Structure formats: C-alpha cells, structure tokens
Protein backbone atom coordinates (compact mmCIF):
# COMPACT_ATOMS: atom_id res chain seq x y z
CA MET A 1 -16.21 3.17 -75.85
CA LEU A 2 -12.61 4.37 -75.94
CA ARG A 3 -12.37 4.38 -72.14
CA TYR A 4 -13.66 0.79 -71.91
CA SER A 5 -11.27 -0.36 -74.65
CA LEU A 6 -8.31 1.30 -72.95
CA MET A 7 -9.22 -0.24 -69.62
CA ARG A 8 -9.46 -3.67 -71.23
CA LEU A 9 -6.12 -3.15 -72.95
CA GLY A 10 -4.63 -2.12 -69.62
CA ILE A 11 -5.83 -5.33 -67.97
CA PHE A 12 -4.34 -7.34 -70.83
CA ALA A 13 -1.02 -5.48 -70.59
CA GLY A 14 -0.89 -5.99 -66.84
CA CYS A 15 -1.53 -9.71 -67.26
CA PHE A 16 1.06 -9.93 -70.02
CA PHE A 17 3.82 -8.31 -67.98
CA ALA A 18 2.93 -10.25 -64.83
CA LEU A 19 2.91 -13.57 -66.69
CA TRP A 20 6.06 -12.69 -68.60
CA GLY A 21 7.77 -12.03 -65.27
CA LEU A 22 6.55 -15.35 -63.90
CA VAL A 23 7.85 -17.18 -66.96
CA TYR A 24 11.16 -15.29 -66.75
CA VAL A 25 11.77 -16.31 -63.12
CA GLY A 26 10.68 -19.90 -63.85
CA ALA A 27 7.42 -19.96 -61.88
CA LEU A 28 5.56 -20.83 -65.12
CA PRO A 29 6.88 -23.12 -67.86
CA ARG A 30 8.51 -21.61 -70.94
CA GLY A 31 7.19 -22.19 -74.44
CA LEU A 32 8.89 -24.64 -76.75
CA GLY A 33 11.84 -23.23 -78.71
CA ASP A 34 11.14 -19.71 -79.93
CA SER A 35 7.43 -19.81 -79.02
CA ASN A 36 7.90 -18.22 -75.57
CA LEU A 37 6.37 -14.86 -76.61
CA LEU A 38 3.41 -16.62 -78.25
CA TRP A 39 2.92 -18.71 -75.10
CA VAL A 40 2.84 -15.63 -72.89
CA LEU A 41 0.45 -13.81 -75.30
CA VAL A 42 -2.01 -16.72 -75.38
CA LEU A 43 -1.83 -17.18 -71.63
CA SER A 44 -2.39 -13.42 -71.14
CA ILE A 45 -5.50 -13.51 -73.32
CA VAL A 46 -6.86 -16.50 -71.39
CA VAL A 47 -6.24 -14.82 -68.03
CA SER A 48 -7.30 -11.26 -68.95
CA ALA A 49 -10.64 -12.20 -70.57
CA PRO A 50 -12.38 -13.38 -67.37
CA LEU A 51 -10.72 -10.61 -65.36
CA SER A 52 -12.07 -8.01 -67.79
CA PHE A 53 -15.50 -9.61 -67.64
CA VAL A 54 -15.63 -9.31 -63.87
CA LEU A 55 -13.69 -6.08 -63.26
CA LEU A 56 -15.26 -4.01 -66.05
CA ARG A 57 -18.89 -4.99 -65.47
CA LYS A 58 -20.04 -1.47 -64.49
CA GLN A 59 -18.30 0.14 -67.46
CA ARG A 60 -19.74 -2.46 -69.85
CA ASP A 61 -23.26 -1.96 -68.49
CA ALA A 62 -22.93 1.82 -68.80
CA LEU A 63 -21.66 1.48 -72.36
CA SER A 64 -24.53 -0.85 -73.21
CA ALA A 65 -27.09 1.59 -71.79
CA GLU A 66 -25.52 4.42 -73.81
CA ILE A 67 -25.72 2.38 -77.01
CA VAL A 68 -29.36 1.44 -76.34
CA GLU A 69 -30.19 5.11 -75.78
CA LYS A 70 -28.57 6.11 -79.09
CA VAL A 71 -30.38 3.35 -80.98
CA ASP A 72 -33.72 4.40 -79.44
CA ARG A 73 -33.12 8.02 -80.47
CA ALA A 74 -32.24 6.93 -84.01
CA LYS A 75 -35.41 4.81 -84.19
CA GLY A 76 -37.45 7.77 -82.95
CA ARG A 77 -36.00 10.03 -85.65
CA LEU A 78 -36.66 7.37 -88.28
CA ASP A 79 -40.27 6.98 -87.14
CA ALA A 80 -40.72 10.77 -87.18
CA ASN A 81 -39.33 10.95 -90.71
CA ARG A 82 -41.65 8.16 -91.86
CA ALA A 83 -44.64 9.90 -90.26
CA SER A 84 -43.81 13.18 -91.98
CA GLU A 85 -43.47 11.41 -95.33
CA ASP A 86 -46.82 9.69 -94.85
CA ALA A 87 -48.51 13.04 -94.07
CA ALA A 88 -47.17 14.58 -97.27
C-alpha cells in the first residue's frame, strides 16, 4: 500500500513540476492574480489522475489481490471461531 501511494505521489509531483515549468515559461496560461499555485495544483491533479490510472494498473491489481486474500483469511478465521463456539 505504501509503495503504491508513493508511486502515485511521485506521478503527481512529476506532473506538478512539469506543469509549473510550462506555466513559468509561458507555454500554459497563468492563474488570475495570486491563484497561480492553485491553478498548477488543480491542473496537476487533473493530469496525474488518468496517468496514475494507466501507469499503475499492475500495482493496483496486485494490491487489490493482496487485500482480497487478507479479507478471505479473516473470514476463514471468523468462520472457524463461529464453528468452535457452536460445538461448545
């Protein structure tokens, strides 16, 4: 989970710095007044979300499989505990 989160944060940071550079050199429009940082943050979120969805597909699927496995083990333990209580 930590690895996936760090990778997603890295994609966001990369998008932020790339977009900030593009705004700085004038390739993208600046925000109004003092809202330039907010503009770059929002634009970075919009750009990094689909990139993360596509680029981190394998990591997300592996994380999902790991979570399903843990939930299945917990359900198995719960069922075993219920069975032992019913026998007593």
